[in-house]
Every structure is written in C-alpha cells, then in structure tokens.
N, C-alpha and C. Protein backbone atom coordinates (compact mmCIF):
# COMPACT_ATOMS: atom_id res chain seq x y z
N UNK A 1 0.83 -1.20 0.00
CA UNK A 1 0.00 0.00 0.00
C UNK A 1 0.87 1.26 0.00
N UNK A 2 2.01 1.20 0.65
CA UNK A 2 2.90 2.37 0.73
C UNK A 2 3.33 2.83 -0.66
N UNK A 3 3.68 1.90 -1.53
CA UNK A 3 4.13 2.27 -2.88
C UNK A 3 3.02 2.91 -3.69
N UNK A 4 1.78 2.42 -3.56
CA UNK A 4 0.68 3.01 -4.33
C UNK A 4 0.36 4.41 -3.82
N UNK A 5 0.46 4.64 -2.53
CA UNK A 5 0.22 5.98 -1.97
C UNK A 5 1.33 6.93 -2.41
N UNK A 6 2.57 6.48 -2.35
CA UNK A 6 3.70 7.30 -2.78
C UNK A 6 3.55 7.67 -4.25
N UNK A 7 3.19 6.73 -5.09
CA UNK A 7 2.98 6.98 -6.51
C UNK A 7 1.85 7.98 -6.74
N UNK A 8 0.78 7.85 -5.98
CA UNK A 8 -0.35 8.78 -6.12
C UNK A 8 0.07 10.20 -5.76
N UNK A 9 0.90 10.36 -4.74
CA UNK A 9 1.39 11.69 -4.37
C UNK A 9 2.23 12.27 -5.49
N UNK A 10 3.20 11.50 -5.96
CA UNK A 10 4.12 11.98 -6.98
C UNK A 10 3.44 12.29 -8.31
N UNK A 11 2.34 11.58 -8.61
CA UNK A 11 1.62 11.76 -9.87
C UNK A 11 0.31 12.54 -9.72
N UNK A 12 0.07 13.06 -8.51
CA UNK A 12 -1.13 13.86 -8.22
C UNK A 12 -2.41 13.13 -8.64
N UNK A 13 -2.54 11.91 -8.14
CA UNK A 13 -3.71 11.08 -8.43
C UNK A 13 -4.61 11.01 -7.21
N UNK A 14 -5.90 11.21 -7.44
CA UNK A 14 -6.86 10.99 -6.36
C UNK A 14 -6.87 9.51 -6.02
N UNK A 15 -7.26 9.22 -4.78
CA UNK A 15 -7.39 7.83 -4.35
C UNK A 15 -8.74 7.63 -3.69
N UNK A 16 -9.23 6.42 -3.78
CA UNK A 16 -10.38 6.00 -3.00
C UNK A 16 -9.83 5.06 -1.95
N UNK A 17 -10.08 5.38 -0.69
CA UNK A 17 -9.58 4.56 0.41
C UNK A 17 -10.75 4.07 1.25
N UNK A 18 -10.52 3.00 1.98
CA UNK A 18 -11.50 2.58 2.99
C UNK A 18 -10.84 2.81 4.34
N UNK A 19 -11.45 3.68 5.12
CA UNK A 19 -10.95 4.06 6.45
C UNK A 19 -12.20 4.31 7.27
N UNK A 20 -12.35 3.59 8.34
CA UNK A 20 -13.59 3.68 9.12
C UNK A 20 -14.02 5.13 9.33
N UNK A 21 -15.28 5.44 9.14
CA UNK A 21 -16.41 4.52 9.04
C UNK A 21 -16.78 4.10 7.62
N UNK A 22 -15.96 4.37 6.59
CA UNK A 22 -16.33 3.94 5.25
C UNK A 22 -15.38 4.45 4.17
N UNK A 23 -15.84 4.42 2.94
CA UNK A 23 -15.03 4.84 1.79
C UNK A 23 -14.92 6.36 1.70
N UNK A 24 -13.75 6.80 1.24
CA UNK A 24 -13.46 8.23 1.12
C UNK A 24 -12.68 8.48 -0.16
N UNK A 25 -12.87 9.64 -0.76
CA UNK A 25 -12.06 10.07 -1.90
C UNK A 25 -11.13 11.15 -1.37
N UNK A 26 -9.82 10.94 -1.63
CA UNK A 26 -8.81 11.85 -1.09
C UNK A 26 -7.82 12.31 -2.16
N UNK A 27 -7.17 13.42 -1.87
CA UNK A 27 -6.02 13.90 -2.64
C UNK A 27 -4.81 13.80 -1.71
N UNK A 28 -3.96 12.80 -1.91
CA UNK A 28 -2.82 12.60 -1.00
C UNK A 28 -1.74 13.67 -1.20
N UNK A 29 -1.23 14.20 -0.10
CA UNK A 29 -0.23 15.27 -0.17
C UNK A 29 1.11 14.89 0.45
N UNK A 30 1.12 14.11 1.52
CA UNK A 30 2.38 13.74 2.17
C UNK A 30 2.26 12.39 2.86
N UNK A 31 3.34 11.63 2.80
CA UNK A 31 3.44 10.31 3.42
C UNK A 31 4.69 10.29 4.26
N UNK A 32 4.57 9.86 5.51
CA UNK A 32 5.75 9.82 6.37
C UNK A 32 5.46 9.15 7.69
N UNK A 33 6.45 9.19 8.57
CA UNK A 33 6.36 8.52 9.86
C UNK A 33 6.17 9.51 11.00
N UNK A 34 5.34 9.10 11.94
CA UNK A 34 5.18 9.89 13.16
C UNK A 34 6.41 9.68 14.04
N UNK A 35 6.51 10.42 15.09
CA UNK A 35 7.61 10.28 16.04
C UNK A 35 7.59 8.88 16.65
N UNK A 36 6.39 8.26 16.76
CA UNK A 36 6.25 6.93 17.34
C UNK A 36 6.46 5.81 16.32
N UNK A 37 6.69 6.17 15.04
CA UNK A 37 6.92 5.16 14.01
C UNK A 37 5.69 4.75 13.22
N UNK A 38 4.54 5.38 13.48
CA UNK A 38 3.34 5.07 12.70
C UNK A 38 3.47 5.70 11.31
N UNK A 39 3.05 4.96 10.29
CA UNK A 39 3.07 5.48 8.92
C UNK A 39 1.81 6.30 8.71
N UNK A 40 1.99 7.58 8.33
CA UNK A 40 0.88 8.53 8.22
C UNK A 40 0.72 9.06 6.81
N UNK A 41 -0.51 9.44 6.49
CA UNK A 41 -0.83 10.07 5.21
C UNK A 41 -1.60 11.35 5.48
N UNK A 42 -1.06 12.47 5.02
CA UNK A 42 -1.79 13.76 5.08
C UNK A 42 -2.48 13.91 3.73
N UNK A 43 -3.79 14.11 3.77
CA UNK A 43 -4.56 14.20 2.54
C UNK A 43 -5.71 15.17 2.71
N UNK A 44 -6.16 15.67 1.58
CA UNK A 44 -7.37 16.48 1.57
C UNK A 44 -8.50 15.55 1.15
N UNK A 45 -9.49 15.39 2.03
CA UNK A 45 -10.63 14.55 1.70
C UNK A 45 -11.63 15.34 0.89
N UNK A 46 -11.97 14.81 -0.28
CA UNK A 46 -12.88 15.47 -1.21
C UNK A 46 -14.32 15.07 -0.94
N UNK A 47 -14.54 13.82 -0.56
CA UNK A 47 -15.90 13.33 -0.27
C UNK A 47 -15.81 12.00 0.45
N UNK A 48 -16.95 11.56 0.95
CA UNK A 48 -17.03 10.24 1.57
C UNK A 48 -17.32 10.30 3.05
N UNK A 49 -17.12 9.15 3.67
CA UNK A 49 -17.43 8.96 5.09
C UNK A 49 -16.52 9.82 5.96
N UNK A 50 -17.01 10.13 7.16
CA UNK A 50 -16.21 10.91 8.09
C UNK A 50 -16.71 10.70 9.51
N UNK A 51 -15.84 10.23 10.38
CA UNK A 51 -16.20 10.07 11.79
C UNK A 51 -16.39 11.43 12.46
N UNK A 52 -15.67 12.46 11.98
CA UNK A 52 -15.74 13.79 12.58
C UNK A 52 -16.91 14.62 12.05
N UNK A 53 -17.52 14.15 10.95
CA UNK A 53 -18.59 14.92 10.32
C UNK A 53 -18.09 15.91 9.28
N UNK A 54 -16.77 16.01 9.12
CA UNK A 54 -16.19 16.89 8.10
C UNK A 54 -15.87 16.04 6.88
N UNK A 55 -16.74 16.10 5.88
CA UNK A 55 -16.61 15.25 4.70
C UNK A 55 -15.65 15.83 3.67
N UNK A 56 -15.35 17.11 3.76
CA UNK A 56 -14.39 17.75 2.86
C UNK A 56 -13.48 18.62 3.72
N UNK A 57 -12.27 18.10 3.97
CA UNK A 57 -11.37 18.80 4.88
C UNK A 57 -10.01 18.09 4.89
N UNK A 58 -9.01 18.75 5.48
CA UNK A 58 -7.71 18.11 5.70
C UNK A 58 -7.86 16.99 6.71
N UNK A 59 -7.18 15.86 6.42
CA UNK A 59 -7.22 14.71 7.32
C UNK A 59 -5.82 14.12 7.44
N UNK A 60 -5.59 13.45 8.57
CA UNK A 60 -4.37 12.71 8.80
C UNK A 60 -4.78 11.26 9.04
N UNK A 61 -4.33 10.36 8.17
CA UNK A 61 -4.71 8.96 8.24
C UNK A 61 -3.52 8.10 8.65
N UNK A 62 -3.79 7.07 9.44
CA UNK A 62 -2.77 6.07 9.74
C UNK A 62 -2.92 4.96 8.70
N UNK A 63 -1.83 4.65 8.02
CA UNK A 63 -1.86 3.66 6.95
C UNK A 63 -2.30 2.29 7.48
N UNK A 64 -1.90 1.92 8.68
CA UNK A 64 -2.27 0.61 9.21
C UNK A 64 -3.76 0.48 9.51
N UNK A 65 -4.49 1.58 9.46
CA UNK A 65 -5.94 1.54 9.68
C UNK A 65 -6.73 1.57 8.37
N UNK A 66 -6.03 1.65 7.24
CA UNK A 66 -6.68 1.60 5.92
C UNK A 66 -6.81 0.15 5.49
N UNK A 67 -7.99 -0.21 4.98
CA UNK A 67 -8.14 -1.58 4.47
C UNK A 67 -8.06 -1.61 2.96
N UNK A 68 -8.04 -0.45 2.31
CA UNK A 68 -7.89 -0.37 0.85
C UNK A 68 -7.45 1.03 0.48
N UNK A 69 -6.68 1.11 -0.60
CA UNK A 69 -6.25 2.41 -1.15
C UNK A 69 -5.97 2.21 -2.62
N UNK A 70 -6.81 2.81 -3.47
CA UNK A 70 -6.68 2.62 -4.91
C UNK A 70 -6.74 3.95 -5.66
N UNK A 71 -5.93 4.05 -6.70
CA UNK A 71 -5.99 5.17 -7.63
C UNK A 71 -7.36 5.10 -8.30
N UNK A 72 -8.13 6.18 -8.26
CA UNK A 72 -9.49 6.13 -8.84
C UNK A 72 -9.54 6.69 -10.27
N UNK A 73 -8.37 7.00 -10.85
CA UNK A 73 -8.32 7.47 -12.24
C UNK A 73 -8.42 8.97 -12.40
N UNK A 74 -8.70 9.69 -11.33
CA UNK A 74 -8.79 11.15 -11.39
C UNK A 74 -7.48 11.77 -10.91
N UNK A 75 -7.17 12.96 -11.41
CA UNK A 75 -5.99 13.69 -10.98
C UNK A 75 -6.42 14.97 -10.27
N UNK A 76 -5.46 15.62 -9.62
CA UNK A 76 -5.72 16.94 -9.03
C UNK A 76 -4.56 17.85 -9.40
N UNK A 77 -4.84 19.16 -9.41
CA UNK A 77 -3.89 20.14 -9.94
C UNK A 77 -2.63 20.32 -9.12
N UNK A 78 -2.74 20.24 -7.83
CA UNK A 78 -1.57 20.48 -6.99
C UNK A 78 -2.00 20.68 -5.56
N UNK A 79 -1.11 21.20 -4.74
CA UNK A 79 -1.43 21.37 -3.34
C UNK A 79 -2.68 22.23 -3.10
N UNK A 80 -3.49 21.78 -2.19
CA UNK A 80 -4.66 22.54 -1.77
C UNK A 80 -4.21 23.70 -0.89
N UNK A 81 -5.00 24.78 -0.85
CA UNK A 81 -4.68 25.88 0.08
C UNK A 81 -4.59 25.34 1.51
N UNK A 82 -3.61 25.80 2.21
CA UNK A 82 -3.41 25.36 3.59
C UNK A 82 -2.38 24.25 3.74
N UNK A 83 -1.92 23.70 2.62
CA UNK A 83 -0.91 22.64 2.69
C UNK A 83 0.46 23.24 2.99
N UNK A 84 1.20 22.58 3.88
CA UNK A 84 2.55 23.02 4.21
C UNK A 84 3.51 21.85 4.08
N UNK A 85 4.57 22.03 3.30
CA UNK A 85 5.61 21.00 3.21
C UNK A 85 6.24 20.81 4.59
N UNK A 86 6.80 19.62 4.78
CA UNK A 86 7.47 19.34 6.05
C UNK A 86 6.47 19.15 7.18
N UNK A 87 5.41 18.40 6.93
CA UNK A 87 4.32 18.18 7.89
C UNK A 87 4.87 17.86 9.28
N UNK A 88 4.49 18.65 10.27
CA UNK A 88 5.00 18.49 11.63
C UNK A 88 4.53 17.20 12.30
N UNK A 89 3.47 16.58 11.80
CA UNK A 89 3.01 15.30 12.35
C UNK A 89 3.97 14.17 11.97
N UNK A 90 4.83 14.43 10.97
CA UNK A 90 5.73 13.41 10.44
C UNK A 90 7.16 13.64 10.91
N UNK A 91 7.32 13.71 12.23
CA UNK A 91 8.63 13.97 12.82
C UNK A 91 9.60 12.81 12.63
N UNK A 92 9.07 11.63 12.30
CA UNK A 92 9.91 10.45 12.08
C UNK A 92 10.48 10.38 10.68
N UNK A 93 10.11 11.32 9.82
CA UNK A 93 10.64 11.37 8.46
C UNK A 93 9.56 11.31 7.40
N UNK A 94 9.77 12.05 6.32
CA UNK A 94 8.83 12.10 5.21
C UNK A 94 9.34 11.25 4.07
N UNK A 95 8.47 10.41 3.53
CA UNK A 95 8.80 9.53 2.42
C UNK A 95 8.54 10.23 1.09
N UNK A 96 7.38 10.90 0.99
CA UNK A 96 7.00 11.60 -0.25
C UNK A 96 6.07 12.74 0.12
N UNK A 97 6.17 13.85 -0.65
CA UNK A 97 5.28 14.98 -0.44
C UNK A 97 5.20 15.80 -1.72
N UNK A 98 4.11 16.55 -1.86
CA UNK A 98 3.98 17.45 -3.01
C UNK A 98 4.96 18.59 -2.86
C-alpha cells in the first residue's frame, strides 16, 4: 500500500480509500512517519465517510488503519490551500510529499 500511496502523491492522483467509518475520496499530499513510528498520510478529503462529520477537509490517516487504497483514475492540480511541506506530524521522516 505504501508504494501506491507514494505513486499517487508523486503523480497527483486521487485515491479512493477505505478508512472507518467507510469509503473516502482523497487527494494525498504527504506520506511519512510519526515520532512513534506510525506510517501517516496527510490528505485532503474530497468526499465520503467521516467520523468527525467533516466530509471535505484536511485529514491525517494512519496507513495501518486503511483496508484499501486505490488510484481512482482522477488527478488533481496540486497542493490545496493550507498545505505546508514538512508536515509536523511526520517527525519520524517524510517519504513523499507534493
């Protein structure tokens, strides 16, 4: 799953992921490790399920909690407003970012 997420970031591809409570469409922006070693994905959620009730917003996902992540064939132009390189949640190191 890590390679497909990294590829989606580098090629600006939207993804459809399954992350409780359901399916979501996201624009992946950064992939890296937390200080504790968890693999994280910073993404802008375009639509879909949301435990917080925010169906379109910035989200931080733990890769080990995703049960699926697929390129959905759509692209996005580039970083969304509010995106910052060097995501502070990824103190353990960044693998890929826009």
